[in-house]
Amino acid sequence: MYNFNKLNNNENLEKARLVREKRAEVKKALKRGHINLDNLFNDIELFNNFISNMKTIELVSSLQGIGRVNAEKILRKLNINFSKKVGGLGKNQKENFIKYFKIKN
């Protein structure tokens, strides 16, 4: 659906705006409980285009009932750096993240 290859400057700006809007929508929906991490991790297109480049701290703190402080505690427990991007998690980090949040593949 989204082909981000070979874009000119205006198209790049539009792409960046689209990504920011979509991430904001996702974060709101997570906070309100309309979607969960299962939905995000199992929707390959959504994950690859919008979620994989999100920082783990942003994603975890967007979950319902979890604020910034609790998100930091969780990520420390999982040995994940706050600035690490979701798509850049190592094998063990990803497995621990999936296990902790009970994400079904």
C-alpha atoms as a PDB file:
ATOM      1  CA  MET A   1       0.000   0.000   0.000  1.00  0.00           C
ATOM      2  CA  TYR A   2       2.746   2.459   0.936  1.00  0.00           C
ATOM      3  CA  ASN A   3       5.689   2.629  -1.445  1.00  0.00           C
ATOM      4  CA  PHE A   4       8.265   4.946   0.073  1.00  0.00           C
ATOM      5  CA  ASN A   5      11.044   4.388  -2.494  1.00  0.00           C
ATOM      6  CA  LYS A   6      12.435   7.139  -4.757  1.00  0.00           C
ATOM      7  CA  LEU A   7      10.492  10.103  -3.407  1.00  0.00           C
ATOM      8  CA  ASN A   8      11.235  13.775  -4.024  1.00  0.00           C
ATOM      9  CA  ASN A   9      11.533  16.288  -1.181  1.00  0.00           C
ATOM     10  CA  ASN A  10       7.805  17.158  -0.984  1.00  0.00           C
ATOM     11  CA  GLU A  11       6.901  13.497  -1.066  1.00  0.00           C
ATOM     12  CA  ASN A  12       9.403  12.820   1.725  1.00  0.00           C
ATOM     13  CA  LEU A  13       7.802  15.542   3.839  1.00  0.00           C
ATOM     14  CA  GLU A  14       4.385  14.068   3.149  1.00  0.00           C
ATOM     15  CA  LYS A  15       5.645  10.598   4.070  1.00  0.00           C
ATOM     16  CA  ALA A  16       7.050  11.907   7.365  1.00  0.00           C
ATOM     17  CA  ARG A  17       3.751  13.640   8.160  1.00  0.00           C
ATOM     18  CA  LEU A  18       1.816  10.472   7.375  1.00  0.00           C
ATOM     19  CA  VAL A  19       4.081   8.386   9.617  1.00  0.00           C
ATOM     20  CA  ARG A  20       3.750  10.867  12.508  1.00  0.00           C
ATOM     21  CA  GLU A  21      -0.045  10.944  12.138  1.00  0.00           C
ATOM     22  CA  LYS A  22      -0.314   7.164  12.019  1.00  0.00           C
ATOM     23  CA  ARG A  23       1.927   6.736  15.079  1.00  0.00           C
ATOM     24  CA  ALA A  24      -0.160   9.294  16.983  1.00  0.00           C
ATOM     25  CA  GLU A  25      -3.342   7.384  16.030  1.00  0.00           C
ATOM     26  CA  VAL A  26      -1.790   4.115  17.171  1.00  0.00           C
ATOM     27  CA  LYS A  27      -0.633   5.590  20.483  1.00  0.00           C
ATOM     28  CA  LYS A  28      -4.106   7.044  21.165  1.00  0.00           C
ATOM     29  CA  ALA A  29      -5.778   3.749  20.301  1.00  0.00           C
ATOM     30  CA  LEU A  30      -3.382   1.839  22.575  1.00  0.00           C
ATOM     31  CA  LYS A  31      -3.968   4.248  25.466  1.00  0.00           C
ATOM     32  CA  ARG A  32      -7.750   3.956  25.045  1.00  0.00           C
ATOM     33  CA  GLY A  33      -7.602   0.170  24.745  1.00  0.00           C
ATOM     34  CA  HIS A  34      -9.048   0.068  21.215  1.00  0.00           C
ATOM     35  CA  ILE A  35      -6.103  -1.992  19.952  1.00  0.00           C
ATOM     36  CA  ASN A  36      -3.442  -4.081  21.632  1.00  0.00           C
ATOM     37  CA  LEU A  37       0.119  -5.142  20.918  1.00  0.00           C
ATOM     38  CA  ASP A  38      -1.115  -8.363  19.260  1.00  0.00           C
ATOM     39  CA  ASN A  39      -2.800  -6.240  16.587  1.00  0.00           C
ATOM     40  CA  LEU A  40       0.342  -4.191  16.003  1.00  0.00           C
ATOM     41  CA  PHE A  41       2.792  -7.073  15.833  1.00  0.00           C
ATOM     42  CA  ASN A  42       0.563  -9.243  13.639  1.00  0.00           C
ATOM     43  CA  ASP A  43      -0.321  -6.551  11.080  1.00  0.00           C
ATOM     44  CA  ILE A  44       2.881  -6.841   9.036  1.00  0.00           C
ATOM     45  CA  GLU A  45       2.311  -3.773   6.840  1.00  0.00           C
ATOM     46  CA  LEU A  46       1.419  -1.535   9.794  1.00  0.00           C
ATOM     47  CA  PHE A  47       4.354  -2.863  11.807  1.00  0.00           C
ATOM     48  CA  ASN A  48       6.933  -2.474   9.030  1.00  0.00           C
ATOM     49  CA  ASN A  49       5.798   0.972   7.857  1.00  0.00           C
ATOM     50  CA  PHE A  50       4.967   2.672  11.146  1.00  0.00           C
ATOM     51  CA  ILE A  51       5.731   0.725  14.321  1.00  0.00           C
ATOM     52  CA  SER A  52       9.180  -0.778  13.696  1.00  0.00           C
ATOM     53  CA  ASN A  53      10.862   2.651  13.779  1.00  0.00           C
ATOM     54  CA  MET A  54       9.088   3.723  16.969  1.00  0.00           C
ATOM     55  CA  LYS A  55      11.142   3.850  20.147  1.00  0.00           C
ATOM     56  CA  THR A  56      10.236   1.118  22.625  1.00  0.00           C
ATOM     57  CA  ILE A  57       9.667   3.672  25.396  1.00  0.00           C
ATOM     58  CA  GLU A  58       7.043   5.447  23.235  1.00  0.00           C
ATOM     59  CA  LEU A  59       5.253   2.211  22.465  1.00  0.00           C
ATOM     60  CA  VAL A  60       5.246   0.834  26.020  1.00  0.00           C
ATOM     61  CA  SER A  61       4.265   4.142  27.628  1.00  0.00           C
ATOM     62  CA  SER A  62       1.336   4.322  25.176  1.00  0.00           C
ATOM     63  CA  LEU A  63      -0.215   1.181  26.605  1.00  0.00           C
ATOM     64  CA  GLN A  64      -3.325   1.545  28.711  1.00  0.00           C
ATOM     65  CA  GLY A  65      -2.446   1.829  32.396  1.00  0.00           C
ATOM     66  CA  ILE A  66       1.279   2.276  31.773  1.00  0.00           C
ATOM     67  CA  GLY A  67       2.904   5.685  31.988  1.00  0.00           C
ATOM     68  CA  ARG A  68       6.440   6.802  31.342  1.00  0.00           C
ATOM     69  CA  VAL A  69       7.795   5.718  34.753  1.00  0.00           C
ATOM     70  CA  ASN A  70       6.288   2.225  34.594  1.00  0.00           C
ATOM     71  CA  ALA A  71       7.423   1.883  30.980  1.00  0.00           C
ATOM     72  CA  GLU A  72      10.986   2.656  32.068  1.00  0.00           C
ATOM     73  CA  LYS A  73      10.763   0.038  34.844  1.00  0.00           C
ATOM     74  CA  ILE A  74       9.484  -2.584  32.414  1.00  0.00           C
ATOM     75  CA  LEU A  75      12.194  -1.860  29.840  1.00  0.00           C
ATOM     76  CA  ARG A  76      14.903  -1.975  32.526  1.00  0.00           C
ATOM     77  CA  LYS A  77      13.541  -5.351  33.655  1.00  0.00           C
ATOM     78  CA  LEU A  78      13.701  -6.575  30.044  1.00  0.00           C
ATOM     79  CA  ASN A  79      17.210  -5.108  29.538  1.00  0.00           C
ATOM     80  CA  ILE A  80      16.024  -2.897  26.681  1.00  0.00           C
ATOM     81  CA  ASN A  81      17.498   0.579  26.231  1.00  0.00           C
ATOM     82  CA  PHE A  82      14.827   3.309  26.184  1.00  0.00           C
ATOM     83  CA  SER A  83      16.071   4.694  22.893  1.00  0.00           C
ATOM     84  CA  LYS A  84      15.997   1.284  21.175  1.00  0.00           C
ATOM     85  CA  LYS A  85      13.565   1.083  18.281  1.00  0.00           C
ATOM     86  CA  VAL A  86      10.984  -1.697  18.227  1.00  0.00           C
ATOM     87  CA  GLY A  87      12.259  -3.089  14.927  1.00  0.00           C
ATOM     88  CA  GLY A  88      15.840  -3.001  16.202  1.00  0.00           C
ATOM     89  CA  LEU A  89      15.339  -5.315  19.159  1.00  0.00           C
ATOM     90  CA  GLY A  90      17.746  -8.225  19.293  1.00  0.00           C
ATOM     91  CA  LYS A  91      16.495 -11.806  19.230  1.00  0.00           C
ATOM     92  CA  ASN A  92      16.498 -12.240  23.020  1.00  0.00           C
ATOM     93  CA  GLN A  93      15.093  -8.767  23.626  1.00  0.00           C
ATOM     94  CA  LYS A  94      12.257  -9.397  21.191  1.00  0.00           C
ATOM     95  CA  GLU A  95      11.494 -12.786  22.735  1.00  0.00           C
ATOM     96  CA  ASN A  96      11.428 -11.244  26.232  1.00  0.00           C
ATOM     97  CA  PHE A  97       9.248  -8.363  25.016  1.00  0.00           C
ATOM     98  CA  ILE A  98       6.778 -10.747  23.367  1.00  0.00           C
ATOM     99  CA  LYS A  99       6.716 -13.016  26.420  1.00  0.00           C
ATOM    100  CA  TYR A 100       6.286 -10.123  28.888  1.00  0.00           C
ATOM    101  CA  PHE A 101       3.368  -8.574  26.985  1.00  0.00           C
ATOM    102  CA  LYS A 102       1.918 -11.994  26.013  1.00  0.00           C
ATOM    103  CA  ILE A 103       1.893 -11.204  22.294  1.00  0.00           C
ATOM    104  CA  LYS A 104       0.504 -14.036  20.196  1.00  0.00           C
ATOM    105  CA  ASN A 105       2.172 -14.634  16.831  1.00  0.00           C
END
